[in-house]
Amino acid sequence: MNSMNRPYVQIESENKISTLRHHLEKMLPEFEALPGVVGLTLNGGLSRGYADHLSEIDVTIYLTSEAFVDWQLSKPPIAVGITKLAGQLYDVKYVDFAAESARDWNDTELWDASYAEILFDPEDLLHSVFAEKLADRPEPGKAGNLLMSCWWYFRLTGDSWIHRGDVLQGHYVFNQAVTALVQALFVANREYIPHEKWLLHLSRSLGWTPENWEERLQAAMSTGDLTVESLKSRQITIASLWREIDRYIIENYYPHLPVHMMQKTTYERLKLLAKEGSISKGEWQMRTGSGVPGGDPFYSIFKLEDDELIFDLQALLAIDEDAMYDWHYEVLRAVKEDLQKG
């Protein structure tokens, strides 16, 4: 993937990337000559344009399946893991090219691969696989679960520990909230989510960030004077950032969504049930990817008869906000308003 206009490293200390890349260039013939090598990639900090005296050179060796088994069952022809080669620290990993091509890559792997530099690819195999794996940028809808996680930490759990007065525990859960919040910000930009080692740093160079991001990010991370008031202040900051990221995603990608991103899936499923009126268990599972709903906001507004989910409109209309948890009622109310609009 082209790294232009993507999150980048902004560190003022001396960048020793030229020195480390020169060392790598001298080592490349040795890597390329290893038995069974399909290709080589440069990963890690160097691939993102920065190195210092604490950096190692991350190299991934892609092997044929036969060579991969040989390397595992005998002493590899080169030291792997964290190791010094010709006086320079490397982190060498070897993988089965065929297996890597076939499996799904997780978020961190996709992020790392999106910056990786292909060093050796004589048959153009790595270029093909990387192009396939990185063809689709993260979907904005993925932010829903992250924003739900953030909300759970800063609102539900945060309220609990503010009330209970355990300041350290409260700040701990707010740390979890900030992680999910910043991850959602990357998805809002349709960027791969970085490893947590780089999460906050790279967020500063995203294409879109909430207003005064640096200042507010510091406030979201600040434990203040470790009092209950510091928890309240931090919660307010995280909540405001949460609302801004949620609003940005909805306005730019789902302008007709009447609920928060964290409620999007539940809203769409409830709307489907209301629209269809009756839907078989098999079709429900096929269209929603879930089994028969066993909780709110569904539980009171449908019946299960002969393997059919039967929507009960009158039951939905009769439910008021005191009969259901706020989160669920907001979704139900949105569907109720949709039905009233026709």
C-alpha atoms as a PDB file:
ATOM      1  CA  MET A   1       0.000   0.000   0.000  1.00  0.00           C
ATOM      2  CA  ASN A   2       1.171   3.484  -0.815  1.00  0.00           C
ATOM      3  CA  SER A   3       2.250   5.103   2.451  1.00  0.00           C
ATOM      4  CA  MET A   4       1.672   8.640   1.140  1.00  0.00           C
ATOM      5  CA  ASN A   5      -0.868  10.615   3.190  1.00  0.00           C
ATOM      6  CA  ARG A   6      -0.972   7.921   5.836  1.00  0.00           C
ATOM      7  CA  PRO A   7      -0.226   8.125   9.559  1.00  0.00           C
ATOM      8  CA  TYR A   8       3.491   8.613   9.988  1.00  0.00           C
ATOM      9  CA  VAL A   9       6.137   8.765  12.703  1.00  0.00           C
ATOM     10  CA  GLN A  10       6.832  12.211  14.177  1.00  0.00           C
ATOM     11  CA  ILE A  11       9.848  11.900  16.457  1.00  0.00           C
ATOM     12  CA  GLU A  12      12.384  14.669  16.925  1.00  0.00           C
ATOM     13  CA  SER A  13      15.339  12.544  18.061  1.00  0.00           C
ATOM     14  CA  GLU A  14      17.993  11.548  15.526  1.00  0.00           C
ATOM     15  CA  ASN A  15      16.686   9.247  12.822  1.00  0.00           C
ATOM     16  CA  LYS A  16      19.246   6.516  12.142  1.00  0.00           C
ATOM     17  CA  ILE A  17      17.268   4.859   9.395  1.00  0.00           C
ATOM     18  CA  SER A  18      20.014   5.379   6.783  1.00  0.00           C
ATOM     19  CA  THR A  19      22.559   3.538   8.923  1.00  0.00           C
ATOM     20  CA  LEU A  20      20.273   0.575   9.545  1.00  0.00           C
ATOM     21  CA  ARG A  21      19.112   0.386   5.951  1.00  0.00           C
ATOM     22  CA  HIS A  22      22.730   0.348   4.796  1.00  0.00           C
ATOM     23  CA  HIS A  23      23.350  -2.604   7.090  1.00  0.00           C
ATOM     24  CA  LEU A  24      20.287  -4.370   5.713  1.00  0.00           C
ATOM     25  CA  GLU A  25      21.434  -3.828   2.127  1.00  0.00           C
ATOM     26  CA  LYS A  26      24.702  -5.575   2.934  1.00  0.00           C
ATOM     27  CA  MET A  27      22.831  -8.479   4.550  1.00  0.00           C
ATOM     28  CA  LEU A  28      20.245  -8.923   1.782  1.00  0.00           C
ATOM     29  CA  PRO A  29      22.301 -11.280  -0.411  1.00  0.00           C
ATOM     30  CA  GLU A  30      22.664 -13.633   2.567  1.00  0.00           C
ATOM     31  CA  PHE A  31      18.913 -13.588   3.204  1.00  0.00           C
ATOM     32  CA  GLU A  32      18.085 -14.084  -0.465  1.00  0.00           C
ATOM     33  CA  ALA A  33      20.411 -17.086  -0.724  1.00  0.00           C
ATOM     34  CA  LEU A  34      18.721 -19.000   2.106  1.00  0.00           C
ATOM     35  CA  PRO A  35      17.166 -22.314   1.013  1.00  0.00           C
ATOM     36  CA  GLY A  36      13.484 -22.209   0.091  1.00  0.00           C
ATOM     37  CA  VAL A  37      13.069 -18.443   0.180  1.00  0.00           C
ATOM     38  CA  VAL A  38      10.034 -17.183  -1.736  1.00  0.00           C
ATOM     39  CA  GLY A  39      10.429 -13.578  -0.678  1.00  0.00           C
ATOM     40  CA  LEU A  40      11.495 -11.102   2.003  1.00  0.00           C
ATOM     41  CA  THR A  41       9.820  -8.107   3.607  1.00  0.00           C
ATOM     42  CA  LEU A  42      11.022  -5.288   5.819  1.00  0.00           C
ATOM     43  CA  ASN A  43       8.606  -4.677   8.675  1.00  0.00           C
ATOM     44  CA  GLY A  44       8.572  -2.723  11.910  1.00  0.00           C
ATOM     45  CA  GLY A  45       9.763   0.822  12.508  1.00  0.00           C
ATOM     46  CA  LEU A  46      12.125   0.969   9.534  1.00  0.00           C
ATOM     47  CA  SER A  47       9.282   0.290   7.135  1.00  0.00           C
ATOM     48  CA  ARG A  48       7.482   3.257   8.687  1.00  0.00           C
ATOM     49  CA  GLY A  49      10.471   5.522   8.182  1.00  0.00           C
ATOM     50  CA  TYR A  50      12.133   5.728  11.577  1.00  0.00           C
ATOM     51  CA  ALA A  51      14.956   4.064  13.529  1.00  0.00           C
ATOM     52  CA  ASP A  52      17.117   4.913  16.531  1.00  0.00           C
ATOM     53  CA  HIS A  53      19.620   3.122  18.759  1.00  0.00           C
ATOM     54  CA  LEU A  54      16.749   1.151  20.314  1.00  0.00           C
ATOM     55  CA  SER A  55      15.509  -0.188  16.979  1.00  0.00           C
ATOM     56  CA  GLU A  56      16.056  -3.584  15.458  1.00  0.00           C
ATOM     57  CA  ILE A  57      15.714  -4.465  11.781  1.00  0.00           C
ATOM     58  CA  ASP A  58      12.547  -6.520  11.333  1.00  0.00           C
ATOM     59  CA  VAL A  59      12.778  -8.994   8.470  1.00  0.00           C
ATOM     60  CA  THR A  60      10.163 -11.597   7.542  1.00  0.00           C
ATOM     61  CA  ILE A  61      11.313 -14.563   5.455  1.00  0.00           C
ATOM     62  CA  TYR A  62       8.620 -16.217   3.339  1.00  0.00           C
ATOM     63  CA  LEU A  63       9.415 -19.873   2.647  1.00  0.00           C
ATOM     64  CA  THR A  64       8.045 -22.691   0.565  1.00  0.00           C
ATOM     65  CA  SER A  65       5.972 -25.116   2.638  1.00  0.00           C
ATOM     66  CA  GLU A  66       8.670 -27.768   2.325  1.00  0.00           C
ATOM     67  CA  ALA A  67      11.422 -25.421   3.472  1.00  0.00           C
ATOM     68  CA  PHE A  68       9.230 -24.163   6.349  1.00  0.00           C
ATOM     69  CA  VAL A  69       8.867 -27.711   7.687  1.00  0.00           C
ATOM     70  CA  ASP A  70      12.602 -28.313   7.262  1.00  0.00           C
ATOM     71  CA  TRP A  71      13.436 -25.154   9.203  1.00  0.00           C
ATOM     72  CA  GLN A  72      11.071 -26.167  12.011  1.00  0.00           C
ATOM     73  CA  LEU A  73      12.395 -29.718  12.285  1.00  0.00           C
ATOM     74  CA  SER A  74      16.057 -28.850  12.177  1.00  0.00           C
ATOM     75  CA  LYS A  75      18.409 -26.000  13.003  1.00  0.00           C
ATOM     76  CA  PRO A  76      17.485 -23.036  10.761  1.00  0.00           C
ATOM     77  CA  PRO A  77      20.253 -21.849   8.445  1.00  0.00           C
ATOM     78  CA  ILE A  78      20.115 -18.411  10.107  1.00  0.00           C
ATOM     79  CA  ALA A  79      19.370 -17.320  13.672  1.00  0.00           C
ATOM     80  CA  VAL A  80      15.757 -16.210  14.128  1.00  0.00           C
ATOM     81  CA  GLY A  81      13.944 -14.055  16.645  1.00  0.00           C
ATOM     82  CA  ILE A  82      15.839 -11.208  18.306  1.00  0.00           C
ATOM     83  CA  THR A  83      19.436 -11.754  17.234  1.00  0.00           C
ATOM     84  CA  LYS A  84      22.575  -9.873  16.251  1.00  0.00           C
ATOM     85  CA  LEU A  85      23.732 -10.329  12.679  1.00  0.00           C
ATOM     86  CA  ALA A  86      27.086  -8.806  11.745  1.00  0.00           C
ATOM     87  CA  GLY A  87      26.895  -6.645  14.877  1.00  0.00           C
ATOM     88  CA  GLN A  88      23.399  -5.243  14.260  1.00  0.00           C
ATOM     89  CA  LEU A  89      20.235  -6.190  16.121  1.00  0.00           C
ATOM     90  CA  TYR A  90      17.604  -7.916  13.960  1.00  0.00           C
ATOM     91  CA  ASP A  91      14.221  -9.466  14.566  1.00  0.00           C
ATOM     92  CA  VAL A  92      14.006 -12.307  12.060  1.00  0.00           C
ATOM     93  CA  LYS A  93      10.793 -14.245  11.492  1.00  0.00           C
ATOM     94  CA  TYR A  94      10.111 -17.005   8.992  1.00  0.00           C
ATOM     95  CA  VAL A  95       6.671 -18.096   7.773  1.00  0.00           C
ATOM     96  CA  ASP A  96       5.083 -20.546   5.349  1.00  0.00           C
ATOM     97  CA  PHE A  97       4.188 -18.482   2.292  1.00  0.00           C
ATOM     98  CA  ALA A  98       1.318 -20.756   1.243  1.00  0.00           C
ATOM     99  CA  ALA A  99      -0.189 -20.771   4.738  1.00  0.00           C
ATOM    100  CA  GLU A 100       0.139 -16.991   5.043  1.00  0.00           C
ATOM    101  CA  SER A 101      -1.556 -16.564   1.684  1.00  0.00           C
ATOM    102  CA  ALA A 102      -4.488 -18.757   2.674  1.00  0.00           C
ATOM    103  CA  ARG A 103      -5.307 -17.458   6.156  1.00  0.00           C
ATOM    104  CA  ASP A 104      -7.004 -14.240   7.248  1.00  0.00           C
ATOM    105  CA  TRP A 105      -4.677 -11.606   8.711  1.00  0.00           C
ATOM    106  CA  ASN A 106      -5.685  -9.896  11.936  1.00  0.00           C
ATOM    107  CA  ASP A 107      -5.860  -6.121  12.440  1.00  0.00           C
ATOM    108  CA  THR A 108      -2.298  -5.715  13.659  1.00  0.00           C
ATOM    109  CA  GLU A 109      -0.940  -7.888  10.856  1.00  0.00           C
ATOM    110  CA  LEU A 110      -2.822  -5.877   8.251  1.00  0.00           C
ATOM    111  CA  TRP A 111      -1.528  -2.641   9.734  1.00  0.00           C
ATOM    112  CA  ASP A 112       2.060  -3.895   9.721  1.00  0.00           C
ATOM    113  CA  ALA A 113       1.680  -5.291   6.196  1.00  0.00           C
ATOM    114  CA  SER A 114       0.267  -1.985   4.949  1.00  0.00           C
ATOM    115  CA  TYR A 115       3.637  -0.342   5.672  1.00  0.00           C
ATOM    116  CA  ALA A 116       5.844  -3.339   4.850  1.00  0.00           C
ATOM    117  CA  GLU A 117       8.446  -3.004   2.122  1.00  0.00           C
ATOM    118  CA  ILE A 118       8.912  -5.995  -0.146  1.00  0.00           C
ATOM    119  CA  LEU A 119      12.663  -6.507  -0.424  1.00  0.00           C
ATOM    120  CA  PHE A 120      12.842  -9.653  -2.518  1.00  0.00           C
ATOM    121  CA  ASP A 121      10.109 -11.162  -4.658  1.00  0.00           C
ATOM    122  CA  PRO A 122      11.589 -12.826  -7.738  1.00  0.00           C
ATOM    123  CA  GLU A 123       8.309 -14.387  -8.888  1.00  0.00           C
ATOM    124  CA  ASP A 124       6.088 -11.466  -7.845  1.00  0.00           C
ATOM    125  CA  LEU A 125       4.245 -13.719  -5.390  1.00  0.00           C
ATOM    126  CA  LEU A 126       4.425 -11.410  -2.381  1.00  0.00           C
ATOM    127  CA  HIS A 127       3.204  -8.424  -4.359  1.00  0.00           C
ATOM    128  CA  SER A 128       0.161 -10.407  -5.427  1.00  0.00           C
ATOM    129  CA  VAL A 129      -0.724 -11.612  -1.927  1.00  0.00           C
ATOM    130  CA  PHE A 130      -0.168  -8.226  -0.290  1.00  0.00           C
ATOM    131  CA  ALA A 131      -2.331  -6.546  -2.935  1.00  0.00           C
ATOM    132  CA  GLU A 132      -5.115  -9.031  -2.230  1.00  0.00           C
ATOM    133  CA  LYS A 133      -4.912  -8.781   1.563  1.00  0.00           C
ATOM    134  CA  LEU A 134      -4.788  -4.977   1.527  1.00  0.00           C
ATOM    135  CA  ALA A 135      -7.371  -4.433  -1.208  1.00  0.00           C
ATOM    136  CA  ASP A 136     -10.091  -3.328   1.197  1.00  0.00           C
ATOM    137  CA  ARG A 137      -9.633  -0.597   3.764  1.00  0.00           C
ATOM    138  CA  PRO A 138     -11.380  -1.042   7.133  1.00  0.00           C
ATOM    139  CA  GLU A 139     -15.124  -0.516   6.961  1.00  0.00           C
ATOM    140  CA  PRO A 140     -16.427   2.368   9.104  1.00  0.00           C
ATOM    141  CA  GLY A 141     -19.101   0.073  10.522  1.00  0.00           C
ATOM    142  CA  LYS A 142     -16.364  -1.775  12.386  1.00  0.00           C
ATOM    143  CA  ALA A 143     -16.117   1.234  14.686  1.00  0.00           C
ATOM    144  CA  GLY A 144     -19.452   0.293  16.261  1.00  0.00           C
ATOM    145  CA  ASN A 145     -18.007  -2.440  18.467  1.00  0.00           C
ATOM    146  CA  LEU A 146     -15.042  -0.258  19.413  1.00  0.00           C
ATOM    147  CA  LEU A 147     -17.284   2.644  20.373  1.00  0.00           C
ATOM    148  CA  MET A 148     -19.445   0.225  22.333  1.00  0.00           C
ATOM    149  CA  SER A 149     -16.374  -0.963  24.224  1.00  0.00           C
ATOM    150  CA  CYS A 150     -15.280   2.613  24.871  1.00  0.00           C
ATOM    151  CA  TRP A 151     -18.761   3.565  26.100  1.00  0.00           C
ATOM    152  CA  TRP A 152     -18.900   0.543  28.395  1.00  0.00           C
ATOM    153  CA  TYR A 153     -15.612   1.537  30.000  1.00  0.00           C
ATOM    154  CA  PHE A 154     -16.091   5.283  30.358  1.00  0.00           C
ATOM    155  CA  ARG A 155     -19.838   5.377  31.053  1.00  0.00           C
ATOM    156  CA  LEU A 156     -21.093   2.165  32.648  1.00  0.00           C
ATOM    157  CA  THR A 157     -17.899   1.123  34.395  1.00  0.00           C
ATOM    158  CA  GLY A 158     -16.737   4.698  34.900  1.00  0.00           C
ATOM    159  CA  ASP A 159     -19.947   5.691  36.677  1.00  0.00           C
ATOM    160  CA  SER A 160     -19.584   2.663  38.944  1.00  0.00           C
ATOM    161  CA  TRP A 161     -16.073   3.512  40.123  1.00  0.00           C
ATOM    162  CA  ILE A 162     -16.795   7.215  40.486  1.00  0.00           C
ATOM    163  CA  HIS A 163     -19.680   6.267  42.774  1.00  0.00           C
ATOM    164  CA  ARG A 164     -17.611   3.661  44.636  1.00  0.00           C
ATOM    165  CA  GLY A 165     -14.673   6.024  45.035  1.00  0.00           C
ATOM    166  CA  ASP A 166     -11.867   3.731  43.857  1.00  0.00           C
ATOM    167  CA  VAL A 167      -9.840   6.272  41.900  1.00  0.00           C
ATOM    168  CA  LEU A 168      -7.085   3.959  40.674  1.00  0.00           C
ATOM    169  CA  GLN A 169      -9.552   1.385  39.385  1.00  0.00           C
ATOM    170  CA  GLY A 170     -11.511   4.168  37.730  1.00  0.00           C
ATOM    171  CA  HIS A 171      -8.476   5.510  35.907  1.00  0.00           C
ATOM    172  CA  TYR A 172      -7.533   1.995  34.866  1.00  0.00           C
ATOM    173  CA  VAL A 173     -10.861   1.475  33.091  1.00  0.00           C
ATOM    174  CA  PHE A 174     -10.579   4.925  31.518  1.00  0.00           C
ATOM    175  CA  ASN A 175      -7.269   3.779  30.023  1.00  0.00           C
ATOM    176  CA  GLN A 176      -9.179   0.930  28.372  1.00  0.00           C
ATOM    177  CA  ALA A 177     -11.759   3.430  27.133  1.00  0.00           C
ATOM    178  CA  VAL A 178      -9.087   5.590  25.499  1.00  0.00           C
ATOM    179  CA  THR A 179      -7.587   2.578  23.714  1.00  0.00           C
ATOM    180  CA  ALA A 180     -10.944   1.649  22.175  1.00  0.00           C
ATOM    181  CA  LEU A 181     -11.664   5.311  21.387  1.00  0.00           C
ATOM    182  CA  VAL A 182      -8.435   5.823  19.448  1.00  0.00           C
ATOM    183  CA  GLN A 183      -8.879   2.518  17.646  1.00  0.00           C
ATOM    184  CA  ALA A 184     -12.319   3.732  16.552  1.00  0.00           C
ATOM    185  CA  LEU A 185     -10.709   6.951  15.318  1.00  0.00           C
ATOM    186  CA  PHE A 186      -8.443   4.950  13.012  1.00  0.00           C
ATOM    187  CA  VAL A 187     -11.440   3.081  11.636  1.00  0.00           C
ATOM    188  CA  ALA A 188     -13.259   6.394  11.168  1.00  0.00           C
ATOM    189  CA  ASN A 189     -10.382   7.332   8.873  1.00  0.00           C
ATOM    190  CA  ARG A 190     -10.572   3.891   7.220  1.00  0.00           C
ATOM    191  CA  GLU A 191      -7.074   3.179   8.451  1.00  0.00           C
ATOM    192  CA  TYR A 192      -5.778  -0.109   9.813  1.00  0.00           C
ATOM    193  CA  ILE A 193      -5.547  -0.150  13.605  1.00  0.00           C
ATOM    194  CA  PRO A 194      -1.903   0.025  14.763  1.00  0.00           C
ATOM    195  CA  HIS A 195      -0.279  -2.063  17.412  1.00  0.00           C
ATOM    196  CA  GLU A 196      -0.839  -0.385  20.782  1.00  0.00           C
ATOM    197  CA  LYS A 197       2.874   0.488  20.866  1.00  0.00           C
ATOM    198  CA  TRP A 198       2.149   3.110  18.178  1.00  0.00           C
ATOM    199  CA  LEU A 199      -1.561   3.792  18.674  1.00  0.00           C
ATOM    200  CA  LEU A 200      -1.540   7.267  20.232  1.00  0.00           C
ATOM    201  CA  HIS A 201       1.558   8.474  18.410  1.00  0.00           C
ATOM    202  CA  LEU A 202       0.264   7.710  14.922  1.00  0.00           C
ATOM    203  CA  SER A 203      -3.201   9.078  15.708  1.00  0.00           C
ATOM    204  CA  ARG A 204      -1.756  12.589  15.573  1.00  0.00           C
ATOM    205  CA  SER A 205      -1.187  12.351  11.817  1.00  0.00           C
ATOM    206  CA  LEU A 206      -4.542  10.881  10.814  1.00  0.00           C
ATOM    207  CA  GLY A 207      -6.418  12.685   8.074  1.00  0.00           C
ATOM    208  CA  TRP A 208      -9.254  13.608  10.424  1.00  0.00           C
ATOM    209  CA  THR A 209      -9.137  14.010  14.183  1.00  0.00           C
ATOM    210  CA  PRO A 210     -11.503  15.695  16.624  1.00  0.00           C
ATOM    211  CA  GLU A 211     -10.903  19.392  17.145  1.00  0.00           C
ATOM    212  CA  ASN A 212      -7.882  20.166  19.369  1.00  0.00           C
ATOM    213  CA  TRP A 213      -6.985  16.486  19.347  1.00  0.00           C
ATOM    214  CA  GLU A 214      -3.590  16.756  21.040  1.00  0.00           C
ATOM    215  CA  GLU A 215      -4.881  18.851  23.923  1.00  0.00           C
ATOM    216  CA  ARG A 216      -7.958  16.700  24.449  1.00  0.00           C
ATOM    217  CA  LEU A 217      -6.009  13.458  24.090  1.00  0.00           C
ATOM    218  CA  GLN A 218      -3.720  14.614  26.891  1.00  0.00           C
ATOM    219  CA  ALA A 219      -6.761  15.401  29.023  1.00  0.00           C
ATOM    220  CA  ALA A 220      -8.263  11.990  28.223  1.00  0.00           C
ATOM    221  CA  MET A 221      -5.045  10.346  29.442  1.00  0.00           C
ATOM    222  CA  SER A 222      -4.485  12.548  32.493  1.00  0.00           C
ATOM    223  CA  THR A 223      -4.983  11.096  35.977  1.00  0.00           C
ATOM    224  CA  GLY A 224      -4.887  14.605  37.434  1.00  0.00           C
ATOM    225  CA  ASP A 225      -4.524  14.683  41.209  1.00  0.00           C
ATOM    226  CA  LEU A 226      -5.916  11.145  41.625  1.00  0.00           C
ATOM    227  CA  THR A 227      -9.146  12.269  43.238  1.00  0.00           C
ATOM    228  CA  VAL A 228     -12.738  11.409  42.355  1.00  0.00           C
ATOM    229  CA  GLU A 229     -12.922  14.822  40.724  1.00  0.00           C
ATOM    230  CA  SER A 230     -10.065  13.788  38.416  1.00  0.00           C
ATOM    231  CA  LEU A 231     -12.183  10.807  37.347  1.00  0.00           C
ATOM    232  CA  LYS A 232     -15.168  13.032  36.640  1.00  0.00           C
ATOM    233  CA  SER A 233     -13.062  15.441  34.591  1.00  0.00           C
ATOM    234  CA  ARG A 234     -11.488  12.645  32.595  1.00  0.00           C
ATOM    235  CA  GLN A 235     -14.865  11.027  31.953  1.00  0.00           C
ATOM    236  CA  ILE A 236     -16.252  14.296  30.559  1.00  0.00           C
ATOM    237  CA  THR A 237     -13.335  14.597  28.145  1.00  0.00           C
ATOM    238  CA  ILE A 238     -13.597  10.999  26.907  1.00  0.00           C
ATOM    239  CA  ALA A 239     -17.372  11.339  26.503  1.00  0.00           C
ATOM    240  CA  SER A 240     -17.019  14.475  24.375  1.00  0.00           C
ATOM    241  CA  LEU A 241     -14.452  12.801  22.113  1.00  0.00           C
ATOM    242  CA  TRP A 242     -16.672   9.714  21.861  1.00  0.00           C
ATOM    243  CA  ARG A 243     -19.618  11.818  20.716  1.00  0.00           C
ATOM    244  CA  GLU A 244     -17.502  13.649  18.138  1.00  0.00           C
ATOM    245  CA  ILE A 245     -16.070  10.475  16.595  1.00  0.00           C
ATOM    246  CA  ASP A 246     -19.496   8.817  16.613  1.00  0.00           C
ATOM    247  CA  ARG A 247     -21.053  11.854  14.920  1.00  0.00           C
ATOM    248  CA  TYR A 248     -18.278  12.036  12.309  1.00  0.00           C
ATOM    249  CA  ILE A 249     -18.767   8.428  11.243  1.00  0.00           C
ATOM    250  CA  ILE A 250     -22.544   8.739  11.052  1.00  0.00           C
ATOM    251  CA  GLU A 251     -22.491  12.011   9.117  1.00  0.00           C
ATOM    252  CA  ASN A 252     -19.919  10.770   6.616  1.00  0.00           C
ATOM    253  CA  TYR A 253     -20.925   7.147   6.125  1.00  0.00           C
ATOM    254  CA  TYR A 254     -24.403   6.498   7.572  1.00  0.00           C
ATOM    255  CA  PRO A 255     -26.254   9.837   7.361  1.00  0.00           C
ATOM    256  CA  HIS A 256     -29.688   8.263   7.905  1.00  0.00           C
ATOM    257  CA  LEU A 257     -28.754   6.225  10.976  1.00  0.00           C
ATOM    258  CA  PRO A 258     -30.985   7.437  13.858  1.00  0.00           C
ATOM    259  CA  VAL A 259     -28.960   5.829  16.662  1.00  0.00           C
ATOM    260  CA  HIS A 260     -25.332   5.746  17.791  1.00  0.00           C
ATOM    261  CA  MET A 261     -22.820   3.579  15.947  1.00  0.00           C
ATOM    262  CA  MET A 262     -22.667   1.176  18.892  1.00  0.00           C
ATOM    263  CA  GLN A 263     -26.412   0.528  18.402  1.00  0.00           C
ATOM    264  CA  LYS A 264     -26.303   0.175  14.618  1.00  0.00           C
ATOM    265  CA  THR A 265     -26.382  -3.631  14.428  1.00  0.00           C
ATOM    266  CA  THR A 266     -29.187  -3.956  16.986  1.00  0.00           C
ATOM    267  CA  TYR A 267     -31.188  -1.238  15.224  1.00  0.00           C
ATOM    268  CA  GLU A 268     -30.794  -2.889  11.818  1.00  0.00           C
ATOM    269  CA  ARG A 269     -31.873  -6.275  13.173  1.00  0.00           C
ATOM    270  CA  LEU A 270     -34.892  -4.871  14.960  1.00  0.00           C
ATOM    271  CA  LYS A 271     -35.843  -2.902  11.865  1.00  0.00           C
ATOM    272  CA  LEU A 272     -35.544  -6.075   9.774  1.00  0.00           C
ATOM    273  CA  LEU A 273     -37.887  -7.955  12.092  1.00  0.00           C
ATOM    274  CA  ALA A 274     -40.412  -5.107  12.080  1.00  0.00           C
ATOM    275  CA  LYS A 275     -40.272  -4.779   8.283  1.00  0.00           C
ATOM    276  CA  GLU A 276     -40.649  -8.487   7.568  1.00  0.00           C
ATOM    277  CA  GLY A 277     -43.310  -9.103  10.199  1.00  0.00           C
ATOM    278  CA  SER A 278     -42.516 -12.785  10.065  1.00  0.00           C
ATOM    279  CA  ILE A 279     -39.199 -14.425   9.295  1.00  0.00           C
ATOM    280  CA  SER A 280     -37.983 -18.015   9.607  1.00  0.00           C
ATOM    281  CA  LYS A 281     -35.196 -18.893  12.011  1.00  0.00           C
ATOM    282  CA  GLY A 282     -33.041 -19.990   9.094  1.00  0.00           C
ATOM    283  CA  GLU A 283     -33.486 -16.757   7.166  1.00  0.00           C
ATOM    284  CA  TRP A 284     -32.952 -14.703  10.322  1.00  0.00           C
ATOM    285  CA  GLN A 285     -29.672 -16.437  10.971  1.00  0.00           C
ATOM    286  CA  MET A 286     -28.622 -16.076   7.341  1.00  0.00           C
ATOM    287  CA  ARG A 287     -29.391 -12.352   7.234  1.00  0.00           C
ATOM    288  CA  THR A 288     -28.191 -11.349  10.701  1.00  0.00           C
ATOM    289  CA  GLY A 289     -25.526 -13.942  11.469  1.00  0.00           C
ATOM    290  CA  SER A 290     -27.121 -14.557  14.864  1.00  0.00           C
ATOM    291  CA  GLY A 291     -29.476 -16.991  16.520  1.00  0.00           C
ATOM    292  CA  VAL A 292     -32.947 -16.321  17.885  1.00  0.00           C
ATOM    293  CA  PRO A 293     -32.693 -13.138  20.005  1.00  0.00           C
ATOM    294  CA  GLY A 294     -32.984 -13.873  23.705  1.00  0.00           C
ATOM    295  CA  GLY A 295     -32.799 -10.398  25.193  1.00  0.00           C
ATOM    296  CA  ASP A 296     -33.947  -6.803  24.867  1.00  0.00           C
ATOM    297  CA  PRO A 297     -35.002  -4.933  22.871  1.00  0.00           C
ATOM    298  CA  PHE A 298     -36.363  -8.017  21.047  1.00  0.00           C
ATOM    299  CA  TYR A 299     -37.615 -10.263  23.818  1.00  0.00           C
ATOM    300  CA  SER A 300     -41.030  -8.676  24.440  1.00  0.00           C
ATOM    301  CA  ILE A 301     -41.933  -7.855  20.845  1.00  0.00           C
ATOM    302  CA  PHE A 302     -41.870 -11.175  19.025  1.00  0.00           C
ATOM    303  CA  LYS A 303     -43.142 -14.713  19.370  1.00  0.00           C
ATOM    304  CA  LEU A 304     -41.578 -17.903  18.105  1.00  0.00           C
ATOM    305  CA  GLU A 305     -44.120 -20.122  16.358  1.00  0.00           C
ATOM    306  CA  ASP A 306     -43.276 -23.092  14.147  1.00  0.00           C
ATOM    307  CA  ASP A 307     -39.703 -21.880  13.675  1.00  0.00           C
ATOM    308  CA  GLU A 308     -40.946 -18.419  12.661  1.00  0.00           C
ATOM    309  CA  LEU A 309     -40.127 -15.169  14.428  1.00  0.00           C
ATOM    310  CA  ILE A 310     -43.447 -13.272  14.519  1.00  0.00           C
ATOM    311  CA  PHE A 311     -43.209  -9.524  15.122  1.00  0.00           C
ATOM    312  CA  ASP A 312     -45.759  -8.068  17.579  1.00  0.00           C
ATOM    313  CA  LEU A 313     -46.374  -4.446  16.609  1.00  0.00           C
ATOM    314  CA  GLN A 314     -48.813  -3.761  19.435  1.00  0.00           C
ATOM    315  CA  ALA A 315     -46.318  -5.005  21.989  1.00  0.00           C
ATOM    316  CA  LEU A 316     -43.655  -2.674  20.589  1.00  0.00           C
ATOM    317  CA  LEU A 317     -45.995   0.333  20.645  1.00  0.00           C
ATOM    318  CA  ALA A 318     -47.023  -0.427  24.230  1.00  0.00           C
ATOM    319  CA  ILE A 319     -43.503  -0.402  25.665  1.00  0.00           C
ATOM    320  CA  ASP A 320     -42.500   2.846  27.371  1.00  0.00           C
ATOM    321  CA  GLU A 321     -39.040   4.017  28.373  1.00  0.00           C
ATOM    322  CA  ASP A 322     -39.378   2.887  31.987  1.00  0.00           C
ATOM    323  CA  ALA A 323     -39.875  -0.736  30.939  1.00  0.00           C
ATOM    324  CA  MET A 324     -36.485  -1.176  29.329  1.00  0.00           C
ATOM    325  CA  TYR A 325     -32.826  -0.271  29.801  1.00  0.00           C
ATOM    326  CA  ASP A 326     -32.080   3.143  28.218  1.00  0.00           C
ATOM    327  CA  TRP A 327     -29.634   1.737  25.641  1.00  0.00           C
ATOM    328  CA  HIS A 328     -32.237  -0.735  24.371  1.00  0.00           C
ATOM    329  CA  TYR A 329     -35.126   1.708  24.491  1.00  0.00           C
ATOM    330  CA  GLU A 330     -33.253   4.192  22.308  1.00  0.00           C
ATOM    331  CA  VAL A 331     -33.074   1.527  19.608  1.00  0.00           C
ATOM    332  CA  LEU A 332     -36.699   0.503  20.046  1.00  0.00           C
ATOM    333  CA  ARG A 333     -37.829   4.136  19.932  1.00  0.00           C
ATOM    334  CA  ALA A 334     -35.916   4.687  16.665  1.00  0.00           C
ATOM    335  CA  VAL A 335     -37.658   1.699  15.061  1.00  0.00           C
ATOM    336  CA  LYS A 336     -41.006   2.857  16.459  1.00  0.00           C
ATOM    337  CA  GLU A 337     -40.479   6.269  14.846  1.00  0.00           C
ATOM    338  CA  ASP A 338     -39.550   4.598  11.557  1.00  0.00           C
ATOM    339  CA  LEU A 339     -42.817   2.668  11.612  1.00  0.00           C
ATOM    340  CA  GLN A 340     -44.841   5.771  12.414  1.00  0.00           C
ATOM    341  CA  LYS A 341     -43.271   7.548   9.448  1.00  0.00           C
ATOM    342  CA  GLY A 342     -44.346   4.686   7.238  1.00  0.00           C
END
